[in-house]
Amino acid sequence: MLVFGVENQGGFFWSLLWSLDGPEADPTVWFREFDEEPIAEQEPLSGFLIQFSLFEASMSADYVALPRRLTAAQAARLTEALHLVPLRPFWPWAPTHFYVAPGLVVHVSSEDGEEFDVWAGASHRSALAPLADLPVDWIRFDG
C-alpha cells in the first residue's frame, strides 16, 4: 500500500494499492485506523481528492461556524439553502456529505444517523451570514 494522506495526529491514514504492473486509472482509496483492517472509501481517487480538498477547505477556513451536535431536522434546515456536492459519502467512520455556496464549504457527518456534526468554513464572514439566524446552539460563530 502506498500511503498518501495522514491525519494530522497520526490516528489514521489513506492509501492506494500500488503496483508497477498496470496501475489503475482511478484506483480505490483505502482508509485505515491504526492496526485495523483497511476500509474502502466510497469514491475512487478522483472523487476522494475533491472530498479531501473540500474537507480541508472547511477545516482550515479563516471564518468558521461550529454548532453543537444537531438533530437530523436541524442539519437539514442548516443545509437547505446550500448545494449538495454530488458524491457518495466521505470517511467510513462517520459518513460525511459536503454542501457549498459562494465562499462557503460545509461538511455534515453522523455516526448513527440521529446526531450530526457540522462544520462550516468560509472565505469571508459574510458567507456565514445566512446561518446566523438558525435556531442552533453555536460553539463558535465567526459570521
Protein backbone atom coordinates (compact mmCIF):
# COMPACT_ATOMS: atom_id res chain seq x y z
CA MET A 1 0.00 0.00 0.00
CA LEU A 2 1.19 3.49 -0.86
CA VAL A 3 0.23 5.92 1.93
CA PHE A 4 -0.59 9.37 0.54
CA GLY A 5 -2.59 11.02 3.33
CA VAL A 6 -2.13 11.00 7.10
CA GLU A 7 -4.44 12.55 9.70
CA ASN A 8 -2.67 15.41 11.48
CA GLN A 9 -2.38 13.45 14.75
CA GLY A 10 -1.36 10.22 13.04
CA GLY A 11 -4.50 8.35 14.08
CA PHE A 12 -5.48 7.15 10.61
CA PHE A 13 -4.35 7.32 7.02
CA TRP A 14 -5.36 6.81 3.40
CA SER A 15 -3.52 4.66 0.91
CA LEU A 16 -3.67 3.08 -2.54
CA LEU A 17 -2.80 -0.39 -3.69
CA TRP A 18 0.27 0.26 -5.78
CA SER A 19 1.79 -1.88 -8.48
CA LEU A 20 4.11 -1.11 -11.35
CA ASP A 21 2.19 -3.68 -13.39
CA GLY A 22 -0.64 -1.71 -14.98
CA PRO A 23 -1.73 0.78 -12.30
CA GLU A 24 -5.44 1.65 -12.27
CA ALA A 25 -6.53 4.93 -13.85
CA ASP A 26 -8.83 5.80 -10.91
CA PRO A 27 -7.96 3.45 -8.04
CA THR A 28 -9.81 2.64 -4.85
CA VAL A 29 -8.72 4.67 -1.82
CA TRP A 30 -8.25 2.72 1.41
CA PHE A 31 -8.86 4.19 4.87
CA ARG A 32 -7.08 2.61 7.82
CA GLU A 33 -7.03 3.34 11.52
CA PHE A 34 -4.01 2.13 13.50
CA ASP A 35 -3.85 -1.67 13.12
CA GLU A 36 -7.42 -2.16 11.87
CA GLU A 37 -8.21 -3.70 8.51
CA PRO A 38 -8.37 -1.16 5.65
CA ILE A 39 -11.82 0.02 4.58
CA ALA A 40 -12.52 1.20 1.02
CA GLU A 41 -13.66 4.79 0.63
CA GLN A 42 -16.86 5.00 -1.42
CA GLU A 43 -15.37 7.30 -4.06
CA PRO A 44 -12.38 6.33 -6.21
CA LEU A 45 -9.31 8.56 -6.11
CA SER A 46 -10.79 11.25 -8.40
CA GLY A 47 -13.84 11.83 -6.17
CA PHE A 48 -11.89 11.30 -2.97
CA LEU A 49 -9.46 14.11 -3.86
CA ILE A 50 -12.39 16.51 -4.32
CA GLN A 51 -13.81 15.45 -0.95
CA PHE A 52 -10.43 15.70 0.78
CA SER A 53 -9.95 19.20 -0.64
CA LEU A 54 -13.41 20.30 0.49
CA PHE A 55 -12.82 18.86 3.97
CA GLU A 56 -9.50 20.68 4.31
CA ALA A 57 -11.00 23.91 2.94
CA SER A 58 -13.72 23.88 5.59
CA MET A 59 -11.42 22.85 8.44
CA SER A 60 -8.73 25.41 7.67
CA ALA A 61 -11.00 28.34 6.81
CA ASP A 62 -10.41 31.70 8.43
CA TYR A 63 -14.09 32.02 9.39
CA VAL A 64 -15.94 29.13 10.99
CA ALA A 65 -19.42 28.24 12.20
CA LEU A 66 -19.48 25.26 14.52
CA PRO A 67 -22.73 24.23 16.20
CA ARG A 68 -23.15 21.68 18.96
CA ARG A 69 -24.47 18.36 17.68
CA LEU A 70 -27.64 18.73 15.66
CA THR A 71 -30.70 16.60 15.04
CA ALA A 72 -31.47 15.41 11.51
CA ALA A 73 -34.09 18.16 11.17
CA GLN A 74 -31.66 20.86 12.31
CA ALA A 75 -28.94 19.62 9.94
CA ALA A 76 -31.45 19.59 7.07
CA ARG A 77 -32.52 23.14 7.86
CA LEU A 78 -28.92 24.35 8.06
CA THR A 79 -28.11 22.90 4.63
CA GLU A 80 -31.39 23.54 2.78
CA ALA A 81 -30.13 26.69 1.01
CA LEU A 82 -26.78 25.12 0.10
CA HIS A 83 -25.81 22.92 -2.84
CA LEU A 84 -25.12 19.26 -2.05
CA VAL A 85 -21.88 18.09 -3.67
CA PRO A 86 -23.00 15.06 -5.75
CA LEU A 87 -20.55 12.48 -4.42
CA ARG A 88 -21.02 9.42 -2.22
CA PRO A 89 -20.22 9.89 1.49
CA PHE A 90 -16.64 10.56 2.56
CA TRP A 91 -14.97 8.91 5.54
CA PRO A 92 -16.08 5.39 6.58
CA TRP A 93 -16.16 6.18 10.34
CA ALA A 94 -18.84 8.83 10.07
CA PRO A 95 -20.28 9.19 6.57
CA THR A 96 -19.80 12.81 5.57
CA HIS A 97 -21.61 14.90 2.95
CA PHE A 98 -20.46 18.25 1.61
CA TYR A 99 -22.52 21.33 0.86
CA VAL A 100 -21.32 24.51 -0.81
CA ALA A 101 -22.32 28.08 -1.55
CA PRO A 102 -20.21 31.02 -2.74
CA GLY A 103 -17.32 31.32 -0.29
CA LEU A 104 -18.66 28.55 1.96
CA VAL A 105 -17.96 24.82 2.43
CA VAL A 106 -19.95 22.81 4.97
CA HIS A 107 -19.43 19.20 5.93
CA VAL A 108 -22.07 17.19 7.78
CA SER A 109 -21.36 13.81 9.34
CA SER A 110 -23.11 11.30 11.54
CA GLU A 111 -22.07 8.01 13.07
CA ASP A 112 -25.62 6.94 13.93
CA GLY A 113 -27.98 8.96 11.68
CA GLU A 114 -29.51 10.67 14.72
CA GLU A 115 -26.89 13.19 15.85
CA PHE A 116 -25.00 15.26 13.30
CA ASP A 117 -21.68 17.07 13.47
CA VAL A 118 -21.47 20.14 11.24
CA TRP A 119 -18.50 22.33 10.38
CA ALA A 120 -18.84 25.37 8.14
CA GLY A 121 -15.78 27.15 6.81
CA ALA A 122 -15.91 30.42 4.91
CA SER A 123 -13.52 32.62 2.98
CA HIS A 124 -15.25 35.74 4.36
CA ARG A 125 -17.52 36.44 7.34
CA SER A 126 -20.38 37.42 5.05
CA ALA A 127 -20.59 33.86 3.66
CA LEU A 128 -21.70 32.70 7.13
CA ALA A 129 -24.45 35.35 7.42
CA PRO A 130 -27.28 33.08 6.13
CA LEU A 131 -26.59 30.70 9.04
CA ALA A 132 -26.74 33.36 11.76
CA ASP A 133 -30.49 33.23 12.38
CA LEU A 134 -30.81 29.46 12.55
CA PRO A 135 -32.10 28.13 15.88
CA VAL A 136 -28.95 26.19 16.83
CA ASP A 137 -26.54 26.43 19.75
CA TRP A 138 -23.24 27.67 18.31
CA ILE A 139 -19.94 26.66 19.88
CA ARG A 140 -18.25 29.15 17.58
CA PHE A 141 -19.69 31.54 15.03
CA ASP A 142 -17.39 33.94 13.18
CA GLY A 143 -20.06 35.48 10.95
